[in-house]
Protein backbone atom coordinates (compact mmCIF):
# COMPACT_ATOMS: atom_id res chain seq x y z
CA MET A 1 101.17 91.80 106.37
CA LYS A 2 98.36 90.40 104.28
CA SER A 3 97.92 89.82 100.58
CA VAL A 4 95.66 91.98 98.44
CA LEU A 5 94.87 88.82 96.54
CA SER A 6 92.28 86.19 97.24
CA GLU A 7 92.87 83.40 99.71
CA ARG A 8 93.63 80.92 96.93
CA ASN A 9 96.90 82.75 96.24
CA MET A 10 98.19 82.61 99.80
CA LEU A 11 100.33 79.56 99.03
CA HIS A 12 102.19 81.61 96.45
CA HIS A 13 102.92 84.35 98.98
CA GLU A 14 104.28 81.81 101.43
CA LYS A 15 107.02 81.08 98.88
CA LEU A 16 108.08 84.73 98.57
CA ASP A 17 110.79 86.36 100.63
CA PRO A 18 109.14 87.92 103.68
CA ILE A 19 108.74 91.61 104.33
CA GLU A 20 111.18 92.48 107.07
CA ARG A 21 110.15 93.82 110.45
CA ARG A 22 112.69 95.82 112.40
CA ASP A 23 111.50 96.66 115.92
CA LEU A 24 113.48 99.34 117.72
CA PRO A 25 113.98 98.94 121.47
CA GLU A 26 112.36 101.55 123.68
CA SER A 27 115.78 102.97 124.52
CA ALA A 28 116.33 103.75 120.81
CA THR A 29 112.91 105.40 120.58
CA ARG A 30 113.78 107.63 123.50
CA ALA A 31 117.14 108.51 121.95
CA ILE A 32 115.45 109.59 118.70
CA HIS A 33 112.90 111.67 120.61
CA TYR A 34 115.44 113.36 122.87
CA LEU A 35 117.82 114.24 120.03
CA ALA A 36 115.01 115.64 117.86
CA ALA A 37 113.72 117.68 120.81
CA GLU A 38 117.21 118.99 121.56
CA ILE A 39 117.68 120.16 117.97
CA ALA A 40 114.17 121.68 117.83
CA VAL A 41 114.79 123.72 120.97
CA THR A 42 118.21 124.82 119.72
CA VAL A 43 117.10 126.03 116.28
CA GLY A 44 113.66 127.28 117.37
CA ALA A 45 110.28 126.58 115.80
CA THR A 46 109.99 129.46 113.35
CA PRO A 47 108.30 129.71 109.94
CA GLU A 48 111.72 130.31 108.37
CA ILE A 49 113.14 127.07 109.78
CA ALA A 50 110.03 125.00 109.12
CA ALA A 51 109.21 126.22 105.61
CA THR A 52 111.44 123.78 103.72
CA LEU A 53 113.50 122.25 106.58
CA SER A 54 116.59 123.13 104.54
CA HIS A 55 117.71 126.12 106.62
CA PRO A 56 121.52 125.93 107.03
CA VAL A 57 121.35 126.06 110.84
CA LEU A 58 118.99 123.08 111.02
CA LEU A 59 120.97 121.13 108.43
CA ARG A 60 124.22 121.61 110.34
CA HIS A 61 122.63 120.17 113.48
CA ILE A 62 121.16 117.18 111.59
CA ASP A 63 124.45 116.42 109.88
CA ALA A 64 126.53 116.83 113.02
CA LYS A 65 124.29 114.85 115.38
CA TYR A 66 122.61 111.95 113.52
CA GLY A 67 125.72 109.87 114.25
CA ARG A 68 124.88 110.11 117.97
CA LEU A 69 121.87 107.85 117.53
CA PRO A 70 122.40 104.28 118.79
CA ASP A 71 123.89 101.72 116.43
CA VAL A 72 120.61 99.82 116.43
CA VAL A 73 118.93 102.81 114.77
CA HIS A 74 121.56 102.99 112.03
CA GLU A 75 121.21 99.25 111.49
CA ALA A 76 117.42 99.52 111.24
CA MET A 77 117.74 102.19 108.54
CA ARG A 78 119.84 100.09 106.18
CA PRO A 79 118.18 99.26 102.81
CA PRO A 80 115.71 96.35 102.81
CA ALA A 81 117.65 93.10 102.61
CA THR A 82 115.24 90.69 100.88
CA ALA A 83 113.74 90.45 97.40
CA ALA A 84 110.55 91.94 98.88
CA GLY A 85 112.39 95.28 98.90
CA VAL A 86 110.47 96.61 101.92
CA ALA A 87 110.99 96.85 105.67
CA VAL A 88 108.64 98.01 108.44
CA ILE A 89 110.36 99.76 111.33
CA SER A 90 108.41 100.20 114.55
CA ARG A 91 108.45 102.27 117.74
CA LEU A 92 109.10 105.70 116.33
CA PRO A 93 108.44 108.57 118.78
CA VAL A 94 104.86 109.39 117.77
CA VAL A 95 102.27 110.33 120.40
CA GLU A 96 99.04 110.45 118.40
CA ASP A 97 97.02 112.24 121.08
CA ALA A 98 99.48 115.15 120.98
CA LEU A 99 99.32 115.68 117.21
CA GLY A 100 96.27 117.87 117.01
CA PRO A 101 93.80 117.42 114.13
CA THR A 102 94.91 116.11 110.75
CA PRO A 103 95.42 119.17 108.51
CA PHE A 104 93.37 119.67 105.34
CA ASN A 105 96.41 120.06 103.08
CA TRP A 106 100.20 119.99 103.06
CA GLU A 107 100.45 123.80 103.26
CA GLU A 108 98.60 123.82 106.57
CA ALA A 109 100.71 120.95 107.88
CA ALA A 110 103.94 122.74 106.93
CA ALA A 111 102.76 125.96 108.58
CA TRP A 112 102.08 124.10 111.83
CA ALA A 113 105.75 123.11 112.02
CA GLY A 114 106.59 126.81 112.30
CA ASP A 115 104.01 127.43 115.02
CA ARG A 116 105.71 127.55 118.41
CA ALA A 117 102.56 126.23 120.09
CA ARG A 118 102.88 123.02 118.05
CA ARG A 119 106.66 122.63 118.23
CA SER A 120 106.70 119.38 120.18
CA THR A 121 104.30 117.59 117.85
CA SER A 122 105.27 118.94 114.45
CA LEU A 123 108.80 120.25 114.01
CA GLU A 124 110.23 117.58 116.31
CA LEU A 125 108.62 114.84 114.22
CA ASP A 126 110.03 116.33 111.03
CA ILE A 127 113.47 116.53 112.62
CA ALA A 128 113.21 112.94 113.88
CA LEU A 129 112.43 111.74 110.35
CA LEU A 130 115.34 113.73 108.91
CA LEU A 131 117.68 112.17 111.48
CA LEU A 132 116.48 108.70 110.49
CA ALA A 133 116.72 109.49 106.80
CA ARG A 134 120.25 110.80 107.30
CA CYS A 135 121.16 107.49 108.94
CA ALA A 136 120.01 105.80 105.73
CA GLY A 137 121.53 108.19 103.18
CA GLU A 138 120.93 111.69 101.80
CA PRO A 139 117.39 113.07 102.30
CA PHE A 140 116.22 115.47 99.59
CA GLY A 141 113.14 117.26 98.28
CA TRP A 142 111.79 118.72 95.03
CA GLN A 143 111.51 122.41 94.24
CA GLY A 144 108.29 121.74 92.36
CA GLN A 145 106.61 119.61 95.04
CA GLN A 146 105.40 120.87 98.42
CA ALA A 147 107.59 123.97 98.00
CA GLY A 148 110.84 122.00 98.22
CA ARG A 149 110.17 120.69 101.72
CA LEU A 150 112.46 117.84 102.80
CA VAL A 151 109.64 116.12 104.75
CA ASN A 152 106.35 115.92 102.84
CA ASN A 153 102.93 115.58 104.45
CA ILE A 154 100.66 112.94 102.88
CA LEU A 155 97.01 113.42 103.79
CA PRO A 156 93.63 113.51 102.05
CA THR A 157 92.88 116.92 100.60
CA PRO A 158 89.42 118.26 99.65
CA GLY A 159 89.05 118.55 95.89
CA HIS A 160 91.83 116.04 95.15
CA GLU A 161 89.97 112.82 96.00
CA HIS A 162 90.27 111.26 92.52
CA GLU A 163 93.83 112.25 91.55
CA GLN A 164 96.74 109.88 91.11
CA SER A 165 98.68 111.63 93.87
CA GLY A 166 99.30 111.42 97.60
CA ALA A 167 96.49 113.93 98.20
CA SER A 168 93.85 111.54 96.83
CA SER A 169 91.61 109.22 98.82
CA THR A 170 88.50 107.69 97.24
CA THR A 171 90.33 106.35 94.19
CA LEU A 172 92.90 103.55 94.08
CA LEU A 173 96.39 105.02 94.03
CA SER A 174 97.96 102.82 91.35
CA PRO A 175 101.24 101.03 92.10
CA HIS A 176 104.10 103.23 90.93
CA THR A 177 107.77 104.05 91.29
CA GLU A 178 108.03 107.31 93.22
CA ASP A 179 108.92 110.12 90.79
CA ALA A 180 109.54 107.59 88.03
CA PHE A 181 109.80 110.39 85.47
CA HIS A 182 113.05 111.76 86.92
CA PRO A 183 116.65 110.47 86.78
CA GLY A 184 117.22 111.90 90.27
CA ARG A 185 114.36 109.96 91.88
CA ALA A 186 114.84 108.45 95.33
CA ASN A 187 116.65 105.18 95.91
CA LEU A 188 114.79 104.75 99.18
CA LEU A 189 111.40 106.08 100.20
CA MET A 190 110.39 106.57 103.84
CA LEU A 191 106.72 106.66 104.82
CA GLY A 192 106.18 107.40 108.50
CA CYS A 193 102.71 107.00 110.02
CA LEU A 194 101.34 109.62 112.40
CA ARG A 195 97.67 108.60 112.25
CA ASN A 196 95.70 105.85 110.50
CA PRO A 197 92.51 105.04 112.44
CA ASP A 198 90.80 103.34 109.47
CA ARG A 199 93.78 101.04 108.83
CA VAL A 200 94.12 102.34 105.26
CA ALA A 201 96.59 100.02 103.55
CA THR A 202 99.66 100.78 101.47
CA THR A 203 100.37 98.27 98.69
CA VAL A 204 103.87 97.09 97.74
CA SER A 205 105.11 94.88 94.88
CA SER A 206 108.68 93.89 93.98
CA ILE A 207 110.05 93.39 90.46
CA ARG A 208 112.29 90.70 91.96
CA GLN A 209 109.30 88.51 92.78
CA VAL A 210 107.54 88.57 89.38
CA GLU A 211 107.70 85.97 86.60
CA LEU A 212 108.26 87.08 82.98
CA ASP A 213 109.47 85.14 79.97
CA ALA A 214 112.67 86.02 78.10
CA ALA A 215 110.85 87.94 75.36
CA GLN A 216 108.97 90.06 77.90
CA TRP A 217 112.14 90.90 79.83
CA LYS A 218 113.82 91.94 76.57
CA LEU A 219 110.94 94.16 75.48
CA LEU A 220 110.62 95.87 78.84
CA ARG A 221 114.35 96.63 78.92
CA THR A 222 114.02 98.71 75.75
CA ALA A 223 113.20 102.42 75.88
CA ARG A 224 109.77 102.62 74.25
CA LEU A 225 107.69 105.18 76.18
CA PRO A 226 108.22 108.25 78.36
CA ILE A 227 106.97 108.67 81.92
CA LEU A 228 105.47 112.09 82.67
CA PRO A 229 105.52 113.99 86.00
CA ASP A 230 102.50 113.37 88.20
CA ILE A 231 99.87 115.97 88.98
CA SER A 232 101.64 117.12 92.16
CA TYR A 233 104.19 118.84 89.88
CA GLY A 234 101.50 120.59 87.83
CA ASP A 235 100.09 119.74 84.41
CA GLY A 236 100.64 120.49 80.75
CA PHE A 237 103.69 118.27 80.32
CA ASP A 238 104.08 117.32 76.64
CA ASP A 239 104.57 113.61 75.94
CA SER A 240 105.23 114.11 72.22
CA THR A 241 108.86 115.18 72.71
CA ALA A 242 109.56 113.42 76.00
CA PRO A 243 112.39 110.84 75.87
CA PRO A 244 111.41 107.18 76.16
CA VAL A 245 112.81 105.24 79.12
CA PRO A 246 113.19 101.50 79.84
CA THR A 247 110.63 100.01 82.20
CA VAL A 248 113.01 97.37 83.55
CA GLY A 249 116.69 97.85 84.28
CA ALA A 250 119.60 95.66 85.27
CA ASP A 251 121.65 95.61 88.46
CA PRO A 252 124.15 93.05 89.81
CA ASP A 253 121.65 92.19 92.57
CA GLY A 254 118.69 91.71 90.19
CA PRO A 255 116.26 93.62 87.97
CA THR A 256 115.19 97.18 88.74
CA LEU A 257 111.93 98.91 87.89
CA ARG A 258 110.72 102.29 86.62
CA PHE A 259 106.94 102.05 86.48
CA ASP A 260 104.06 104.51 86.57
CA PRO A 261 101.21 103.43 84.28
CA ALA A 262 98.98 106.37 85.24
CA TYR A 263 101.52 108.75 83.67
CA THR A 264 102.77 106.54 80.82
CA PRO A 265 101.15 107.02 77.35
CA LEU A 266 100.62 103.32 76.64
CA ASP A 267 98.40 104.09 73.64
CA ARG A 268 101.55 105.10 71.75
CA ALA A 269 103.13 101.64 72.06
CA ASP A 270 102.75 98.69 69.72
CA ASP A 271 100.60 95.72 70.69
CA GLN A 272 103.58 93.54 71.58
CA PHE A 273 105.02 96.05 74.05
CA ARG A 274 101.60 96.80 75.57
CA CYS A 275 101.06 93.09 76.08
CA ALA A 276 104.38 92.73 77.91
CA TYR A 277 103.67 95.85 80.00
CA GLN A 278 100.21 94.61 80.93
CA HIS A 279 101.64 91.21 81.86
CA LEU A 280 104.13 92.97 84.15
CA ALA A 281 101.27 94.95 85.72
CA GLY A 282 99.40 91.70 86.30
CA GLU A 283 102.47 90.11 87.89
CA LEU A 284 102.98 93.09 90.17
CA GLU A 285 99.36 92.69 91.26
CA ARG A 286 99.87 88.96 91.79
CA VAL A 287 102.80 89.46 94.15
CA SER A 288 101.33 92.56 95.80
CA ARG A 289 100.93 92.76 99.55
CA THR A 290 99.41 95.36 101.82
CA THR A 291 100.40 96.87 105.11
CA ALA A 292 98.22 99.18 107.19
CA LEU A 293 100.75 101.26 109.06
CA ALA A 294 100.02 102.10 112.70
CA PRO A 295 101.16 105.35 114.37
CA GLY A 296 104.88 105.11 115.04
CA GLU A 297 105.55 102.67 112.21
CA LEU A 298 107.75 103.53 109.26
CA LEU A 299 107.71 101.84 105.86
CA LEU A 300 111.12 101.80 104.16
CA VAL A 301 110.77 101.08 100.43
CA ASP A 302 113.52 100.34 97.90
CA ASN A 303 112.26 102.64 95.15
CA ASP A 304 114.56 101.03 92.57
CA VAL A 305 112.87 97.65 93.07
CA VAL A 306 109.39 98.18 94.55
CA VAL A 307 106.25 99.97 93.40
CA HIS A 308 103.83 101.20 96.04
CA GLY A 309 100.24 102.40 96.05
CA ARG A 310 97.26 102.83 98.36
CA VAL A 311 93.81 101.29 98.61
CA PRO A 312 90.80 103.66 98.35
CA PHE A 313 89.24 105.12 101.48
CA THR A 314 86.56 107.65 102.35
CA PRO A 315 87.95 110.74 104.09
CA ARG A 316 85.94 112.42 106.84
CA TYR A 317 87.77 115.77 106.88
CA ASP A 318 87.08 116.01 110.60
CA GLY A 319 90.68 116.05 111.85
CA THR A 320 90.95 112.27 112.31
CA ASP A 321 92.01 111.16 108.80
CA ARG A 322 95.14 109.26 107.84
CA TRP A 323 98.34 111.32 108.07
CA LEU A 324 101.73 110.13 106.82
CA LYS A 325 105.12 111.82 106.44
CA ARG A 326 107.30 111.07 103.40
CA VAL A 327 111.03 111.51 102.89
CA ASN A 328 113.02 110.83 99.70
CA ILE A 329 116.50 109.38 100.23
CA ARG A 330 119.42 109.10 97.82
CA LEU A 331 122.08 106.43 98.28
CA PRO A 332 125.30 107.92 96.88
CA GLN A 333 126.86 104.46 96.51
CA ARG A 334 124.20 103.41 93.98
CA ARG A 335 124.55 104.24 90.31
CA ARG A 336 121.78 104.14 87.76
CA ALA A 337 121.99 103.48 84.02
CA VAL A 338 124.39 105.80 82.21
CA GLY A 339 121.64 106.81 79.76
CA GLU A 340 119.62 108.47 82.51
CA SER A 341 122.24 111.21 82.85
CA ALA A 342 121.04 112.69 79.54
CA GLU A 343 117.46 113.18 80.83
CA ASP A 344 116.42 116.65 81.91
CA GLY A 345 113.69 115.49 84.32
CA TYR A 346 111.18 117.89 82.70
CA GLY A 347 113.00 120.75 84.37
CA GLN A 348 112.18 119.54 87.89
CA ARG A 349 115.04 120.32 90.27
CA VAL A 350 116.00 118.57 93.47
CA VAL A 351 116.68 120.23 96.82
CA ALA A 352 119.64 118.15 97.96
CA PRO A 353 121.39 119.89 100.87
CA PHE A 354 123.19 116.73 102.05
CA SER A 355 124.24 115.58 98.58
CA THR A 356 127.79 114.47 97.84
CA THR A 357 126.78 113.77 94.22
CA ARG A 358 125.22 117.06 93.14
CA GLY A 359 126.56 116.82 89.62
CA GLN A 360 125.16 113.37 88.96
CA HIS A 361 121.50 114.30 88.21
CA PRO A 362 119.54 117.37 87.09
């Protein structure tokens, strides 16, 4: 890990809780690969199975068999344990040479998972990630994002270079809480690396490592502004009637965060609130770190505590660009603020086939 800040701030980072590294033994890697391959062969690589990965037959196999993975895998998939709110897990079963070219968009990537010729390098990887996510909690998707698929493909897409979304590239992807606009957002976020030849870095910052004064904490705990859905859900969302939400929340283990400045109408706030919000943004930058994931590495992010982003890069669109997989995970044992239950999430619905708490969120 390295800081995104200048060298003069390195002393500060030495005082912060470290980002955890959890290295799986090779025997665990093999177990993940073999179980994913077994399930893939059993269910078959068909467009119907691969479309959303929520086909009942596939889900039954995931739910029945994830417990067969070694204890060390289940231990590695526990939530991050330090104030950094992030863990890097290594030695996932990724063979980069067998992937084929990086697709141009998520639709193409999803279609490949239903192509029998690509079964071993596409559907099996999606199944492996679902098995890992199920060890951690309840993986879910969004009906309005990537067609409800439980495993999203994150890759640079022509025509989307400057968006604030996972399909962008040449612009800085601002630090943000994943799906901050929604009360049913993930507790944990999994980012698995398939390919990253240019060492494009992901940024992470924890609310539990920032410094704010009492007045700033108080202001940021009040509901002043809404957070709108990002461009991956479409456009035209009206901020004039959207409910305001607190930026900072409280939890017995420390403060929580709900932050997405690119989709927050800060011009509607008073000067005092904007000043506190901008100070928070500066603090998140001050404690920010970067990690350039390598193939087979997985970044596990506590989405209630950490904001993540991505540094700019220049895509080549030649089949060698960065390619990540993303899975949203709900932890049924966690409860968010009671007030969030009144939010409608702008009508965005979750696809939660493993959920034991379906009635809790829209």
